[in-house]
Amino acid sequence: MNVVTSGGSKDIYSPEGRNRYTIEEFLRPFEATAYLCLMRYLPPFHLFII
């Protein structure tokens, strides 16, 4: 499970936002690694810091 904080609002992490991707999309390599290692990947816990 990933626990992350961001330095911006939820709007920034959207297809229309400044970063153009969601937090889940940024964390996709971790999900792929968990799958490769036969691990159960849990949804990330994310706090938006504004």
PDB file of N, CA and C in Angstrom:
ATOM      1  N   MET A   1       0.847  -1.182   0.000  1.00  0.00           N
ATOM      2  CA  MET A   1       0.000   0.000   0.000  1.00  0.00           C
ATOM      3  C   MET A   1       0.888   1.240   0.000  1.00  0.00           C
ATOM      4  N   ASN A   2       0.572   2.149  -0.873  1.00  0.00           N
ATOM      5  CA  ASN A   2       1.286   3.418  -0.933  1.00  0.00           C
ATOM      6  C   ASN A   2       0.533   4.465  -0.124  1.00  0.00           C
ATOM      7  N   VAL A   3       1.266   5.226   0.666  1.00  0.00           N
ATOM      8  CA  VAL A   3       0.717   6.371   1.390  1.00  0.00           C
ATOM      9  C   VAL A   3       1.501   7.584   0.911  1.00  0.00           C
ATOM     10  N   VAL A   4       0.798   8.525   0.284  1.00  0.00           N
ATOM     11  CA  VAL A   4       1.486   9.673  -0.309  1.00  0.00           C
ATOM     12  C   VAL A   4       0.771  10.972   0.041  1.00  0.00           C
ATOM     13  N   THR A   5       1.523  12.041   0.019  1.00  0.00           N
ATOM     14  CA  THR A   5       0.968  13.383   0.107  1.00  0.00           C
ATOM     15  C   THR A   5       1.413  14.145  -1.126  1.00  0.00           C
ATOM     16  N   SER A   6       0.616  15.102  -1.527  1.00  0.00           N
ATOM     17  CA  SER A   6       0.989  15.909  -2.687  1.00  0.00           C
ATOM     18  C   SER A   6       1.069  17.369  -2.277  1.00  0.00           C
ATOM     19  N   GLY A   7       1.797  18.102  -3.038  1.00  0.00           N
ATOM     20  CA  GLY A   7       1.944  19.523  -2.755  1.00  0.00           C
ATOM     21  C   GLY A   7       0.922  20.369  -3.469  1.00  0.00           C
ATOM     22  N   GLY A   8      -0.190  19.756  -3.850  1.00  0.00           N
ATOM     23  CA  GLY A   8      -1.198  20.508  -4.565  1.00  0.00           C
ATOM     24  C   GLY A   8      -2.587  19.965  -4.306  1.00  0.00           C
ATOM     25  N   SER A   9      -3.558  20.626  -4.861  1.00  0.00           N
ATOM     26  CA  SER A   9      -4.951  20.238  -4.675  1.00  0.00           C
ATOM     27  C   SER A   9      -5.316  19.075  -5.590  1.00  0.00           C
ATOM     28  N   LYS A  10      -6.497  18.517  -5.352  1.00  0.00           N
ATOM     29  CA  LYS A  10      -6.979  17.397  -6.151  1.00  0.00           C
ATOM     30  C   LYS A  10      -7.126  17.789  -7.625  1.00  0.00           C
ATOM     31  N   ASP A  11      -7.477  19.046  -7.885  1.00  0.00           N
ATOM     32  CA  ASP A  11      -7.661  19.507  -9.264  1.00  0.00           C
ATOM     33  C   ASP A  11      -6.370  19.429 -10.077  1.00  0.00           C
ATOM     34  N   ILE A  12      -5.246  19.604  -9.436  1.00  0.00           N
ATOM     35  CA  ILE A  12      -3.958  19.551 -10.144  1.00  0.00           C
ATOM     36  C   ILE A  12      -3.684  18.152 -10.666  1.00  0.00           C
ATOM     37  N   TYR A  13      -4.142  17.135  -9.915  1.00  0.00           N
ATOM     38  CA  TYR A  13      -3.912  15.738 -10.288  1.00  0.00           C
ATOM     39  C   TYR A  13      -5.136  15.170 -11.005  1.00  0.00           C
ATOM     40  N   SER A  14      -5.384  15.688 -12.190  1.00  0.00           N
ATOM     41  CA  SER A  14      -6.485  15.233 -13.035  1.00  0.00           C
ATOM     42  C   SER A  14      -6.060  15.390 -14.492  1.00  0.00           C
ATOM     43  N   PRO A  15      -6.765  14.743 -15.412  1.00  0.00           N
ATOM     44  CA  PRO A  15      -6.393  14.877 -16.829  1.00  0.00           C
ATOM     45  C   PRO A  15      -6.383  16.324 -17.322  1.00  0.00           C
ATOM     46  N   GLU A  16      -7.213  17.169 -16.721  1.00  0.00           N
ATOM     47  CA  GLU A  16      -7.268  18.573 -17.132  1.00  0.00           C
ATOM     48  C   GLU A  16      -6.362  19.464 -16.290  1.00  0.00           C
ATOM     49  N   GLY A  17      -5.785  18.932 -15.249  1.00  0.00           N
ATOM     50  CA  GLY A  17      -4.978  19.726 -14.325  1.00  0.00           C
ATOM     51  C   GLY A  17      -3.545  19.923 -14.783  1.00  0.00           C
ATOM     52  N   ARG A  18      -2.811  20.617 -13.961  1.00  0.00           N
ATOM     53  CA  ARG A  18      -1.424  20.974 -14.273  1.00  0.00           C
ATOM     54  C   ARG A  18      -0.529  19.750 -14.503  1.00  0.00           C
ATOM     55  N   ASN A  19      -0.717  18.693 -13.694  1.00  0.00           N
ATOM     56  CA  ASN A  19       0.126  17.506 -13.827  1.00  0.00           C
ATOM     57  C   ASN A  19      -0.383  16.510 -14.866  1.00  0.00           C
ATOM     58  N   ARG A  20      -1.618  16.694 -15.338  1.00  0.00           N
ATOM     59  CA  ARG A  20      -2.223  15.899 -16.409  1.00  0.00           C
ATOM     60  C   ARG A  20      -2.518  14.448 -16.068  1.00  0.00           C
ATOM     61  N   TYR A  21      -2.143  13.987 -14.904  1.00  0.00           N
ATOM     62  CA  TYR A  21      -2.373  12.597 -14.522  1.00  0.00           C
ATOM     63  C   TYR A  21      -2.904  12.529 -13.097  1.00  0.00           C
ATOM     64  N   THR A  22      -3.628  11.454 -12.793  1.00  0.00           N
ATOM     65  CA  THR A  22      -4.114  11.244 -11.437  1.00  0.00           C
ATOM     66  C   THR A  22      -2.998  10.624 -10.598  1.00  0.00           C
ATOM     67  N   ILE A  23      -3.175  10.648  -9.303  1.00  0.00           N
ATOM     68  CA  ILE A  23      -2.202  10.007  -8.409  1.00  0.00           C
ATOM     69  C   ILE A  23      -2.100   8.525  -8.734  1.00  0.00           C
ATOM     70  N   GLU A  24      -3.236   7.889  -9.013  1.00  0.00           N
ATOM     71  CA  GLU A  24      -3.220   6.465  -9.351  1.00  0.00           C
ATOM     72  C   GLU A  24      -2.371   6.196 -10.591  1.00  0.00           C
ATOM     73  N   GLU A  25      -2.431   7.082 -11.568  1.00  0.00           N
ATOM     74  CA  GLU A  25      -1.617   6.910 -12.774  1.00  0.00           C
ATOM     75  C   GLU A  25      -0.131   7.091 -12.471  1.00  0.00           C
ATOM     76  N   PHE A  26       0.212   8.021 -11.605  1.00  0.00           N
ATOM     77  CA  PHE A  26       1.611   8.200 -11.215  1.00  0.00           C
ATOM     78  C   PHE A  26       2.146   6.961 -10.489  1.00  0.00           C
ATOM     79  N   LEU A  27       1.275   6.273  -9.764  1.00  0.00           N
ATOM     80  CA  LEU A  27       1.697   5.109  -8.980  1.00  0.00           C
ATOM     81  C   LEU A  27       1.578   3.786  -9.744  1.00  0.00           C
ATOM     82  N   ARG A  28       1.208   3.826 -10.999  1.00  0.00           N
ATOM     83  CA  ARG A  28       1.021   2.608 -11.791  1.00  0.00           C
ATOM     84  C   ARG A  28       2.249   1.687 -11.800  1.00  0.00           C
ATOM     85  N   PRO A  29       3.485   2.195 -11.836  1.00  0.00           N
ATOM     86  CA  PRO A  29       4.644   1.286 -11.770  1.00  0.00           C
ATOM     87  C   PRO A  29       4.689   0.454 -10.480  1.00  0.00           C
ATOM     88  N   PHE A  30       4.236   1.018  -9.360  1.00  0.00           N
ATOM     89  CA  PHE A  30       4.188   0.252  -8.116  1.00  0.00           C
ATOM     90  C   PHE A  30       3.149  -0.863  -8.215  1.00  0.00           C
ATOM     91  N   GLU A  31       2.029  -0.565  -8.838  1.00  0.00           N
ATOM     92  CA  GLU A  31       0.994  -1.580  -9.035  1.00  0.00           C
ATOM     93  C   GLU A  31       1.512  -2.706  -9.925  1.00  0.00           C
ATOM     94  N   ALA A  32       2.221  -2.350 -10.991  1.00  0.00           N
ATOM     95  CA  ALA A  32       2.787  -3.358 -11.897  1.00  0.00           C
ATOM     96  C   ALA A  32       3.825  -4.227 -11.185  1.00  0.00           C
ATOM     97  N   THR A  33       4.640  -3.627 -10.339  1.00  0.00           N
ATOM     98  CA  THR A  33       5.646  -4.377  -9.587  1.00  0.00           C
ATOM     99  C   THR A  33       4.979  -5.347  -8.622  1.00  0.00           C
ATOM    100  N   ALA A  34       3.938  -4.896  -7.939  1.00  0.00           N
ATOM    101  CA  ALA A  34       3.211  -5.777  -7.020  1.00  0.00           C
ATOM    102  C   ALA A  34       2.626  -6.962  -7.778  1.00  0.00           C
ATOM    103  N   TYR A  35       2.057  -6.721  -8.932  1.00  0.00           N
ATOM    104  CA  TYR A  35       1.490  -7.786  -9.747  1.00  0.00           C
ATOM    105  C   TYR A  35       2.576  -8.783 -10.155  1.00  0.00           C
ATOM    106  N   LEU A  36       3.708  -8.267 -10.582  1.00  0.00           N
ATOM    107  CA  LEU A  36       4.824  -9.115 -11.002  1.00  0.00           C
ATOM    108  C   LEU A  36       5.323  -9.993  -9.857  1.00  0.00           C
ATOM    109  N   CYS A  37       5.305  -9.470  -8.647  1.00  0.00           N
ATOM    110  CA  CYS A  37       5.779 -10.201  -7.458  1.00  0.00           C
ATOM    111  C   CYS A  37       4.670 -11.019  -6.797  1.00  0.00           C
ATOM    112  N   LEU A  38       3.528 -11.142  -7.469  1.00  0.00           N
ATOM    113  CA  LEU A  38       2.384 -11.905  -6.962  1.00  0.00           C
ATOM    114  C   LEU A  38       1.874 -11.367  -5.627  1.00  0.00           C
ATOM    115  N   MET A  39       1.938 -10.052  -5.473  1.00  0.00           N
ATOM    116  CA  MET A  39       1.465  -9.392  -4.258  1.00  0.00           C
ATOM    117  C   MET A  39       0.057  -8.824  -4.504  1.00  0.00           C
ATOM    118  N   ARG A  40      -0.674  -8.608  -3.456  1.00  0.00           N
ATOM    119  CA  ARG A  40      -1.971  -7.952  -3.560  1.00  0.00           C
ATOM    120  C   ARG A  40      -1.754  -6.449  -3.426  1.00  0.00           C
ATOM    121  N   TYR A  41      -2.131  -5.719  -4.435  1.00  0.00           N
ATOM    122  CA  TYR A  41      -1.949  -4.268  -4.440  1.00  0.00           C
ATOM    123  C   TYR A  41      -3.208  -3.598  -3.901  1.00  0.00           C
ATOM    124  N   LEU A  42      -3.059  -2.803  -2.877  1.00  0.00           N
ATOM    125  CA  LEU A  42      -4.179  -2.065  -2.299  1.00  0.00           C
ATOM    126  C   LEU A  42      -4.215  -0.652  -2.867  1.00  0.00           C
ATOM    127  N   PRO A  43      -5.385  -0.054  -2.958  1.00  0.00           N
ATOM    128  CA  PRO A  43      -5.469   1.323  -3.444  1.00  0.00           C
ATOM    129  C   PRO A  43      -4.637   2.254  -2.564  1.00  0.00           C
ATOM    130  N   PRO A  44      -4.030   3.278  -3.152  1.00  0.00           N
ATOM    131  CA  PRO A  44      -3.201   4.188  -2.366  1.00  0.00           C
ATOM    132  C   PRO A  44      -4.025   5.049  -1.408  1.00  0.00           C
ATOM    133  N   PHE A  45      -3.399   5.426  -0.315  1.00  0.00           N
ATOM    134  CA  PHE A  45      -3.976   6.390   0.615  1.00  0.00           C
ATOM    135  C   PHE A  45      -3.290   7.713   0.307  1.00  0.00           C
ATOM    136  N   HIS A  46      -4.063   8.696  -0.096  1.00  0.00           N
ATOM    137  CA  HIS A  46      -3.481   9.946  -0.584  1.00  0.00           C
ATOM    138  C   HIS A  46      -4.078  11.142   0.136  1.00  0.00           C
ATOM    139  N   LEU A  47      -3.213  12.029   0.595  1.00  0.00           N
ATOM    140  CA  LEU A  47      -3.630  13.281   1.221  1.00  0.00           C
ATOM    141  C   LEU A  47      -3.221  14.436   0.319  1.00  0.00           C
ATOM    142  N   PHE A  48      -4.172  15.266  -0.018  1.00  0.00           N
ATOM    143  CA  PHE A  48      -3.879  16.457  -0.803  1.00  0.00           C
ATOM    144  C   PHE A  48      -3.535  17.589   0.152  1.00  0.00           C
ATOM    145  N   ILE A  49      -2.381  18.197  -0.011  1.00  0.00           N
ATOM    146  CA  ILE A  49      -1.942  19.306   0.822  1.00  0.00           C
ATOM    147  C   ILE A  49      -2.100  20.584   0.011  1.00  0.00           C
ATOM    148  N   ILE A  50      -2.925  21.486   0.492  1.00  0.00           N
ATOM    149  CA  ILE A  50      -3.118  22.740  -0.261  1.00  0.00           C
ATOM    150  C   ILE A  50      -2.707  23.922   0.567  1.00  0.00           C
TER     151      ILE A  50
END
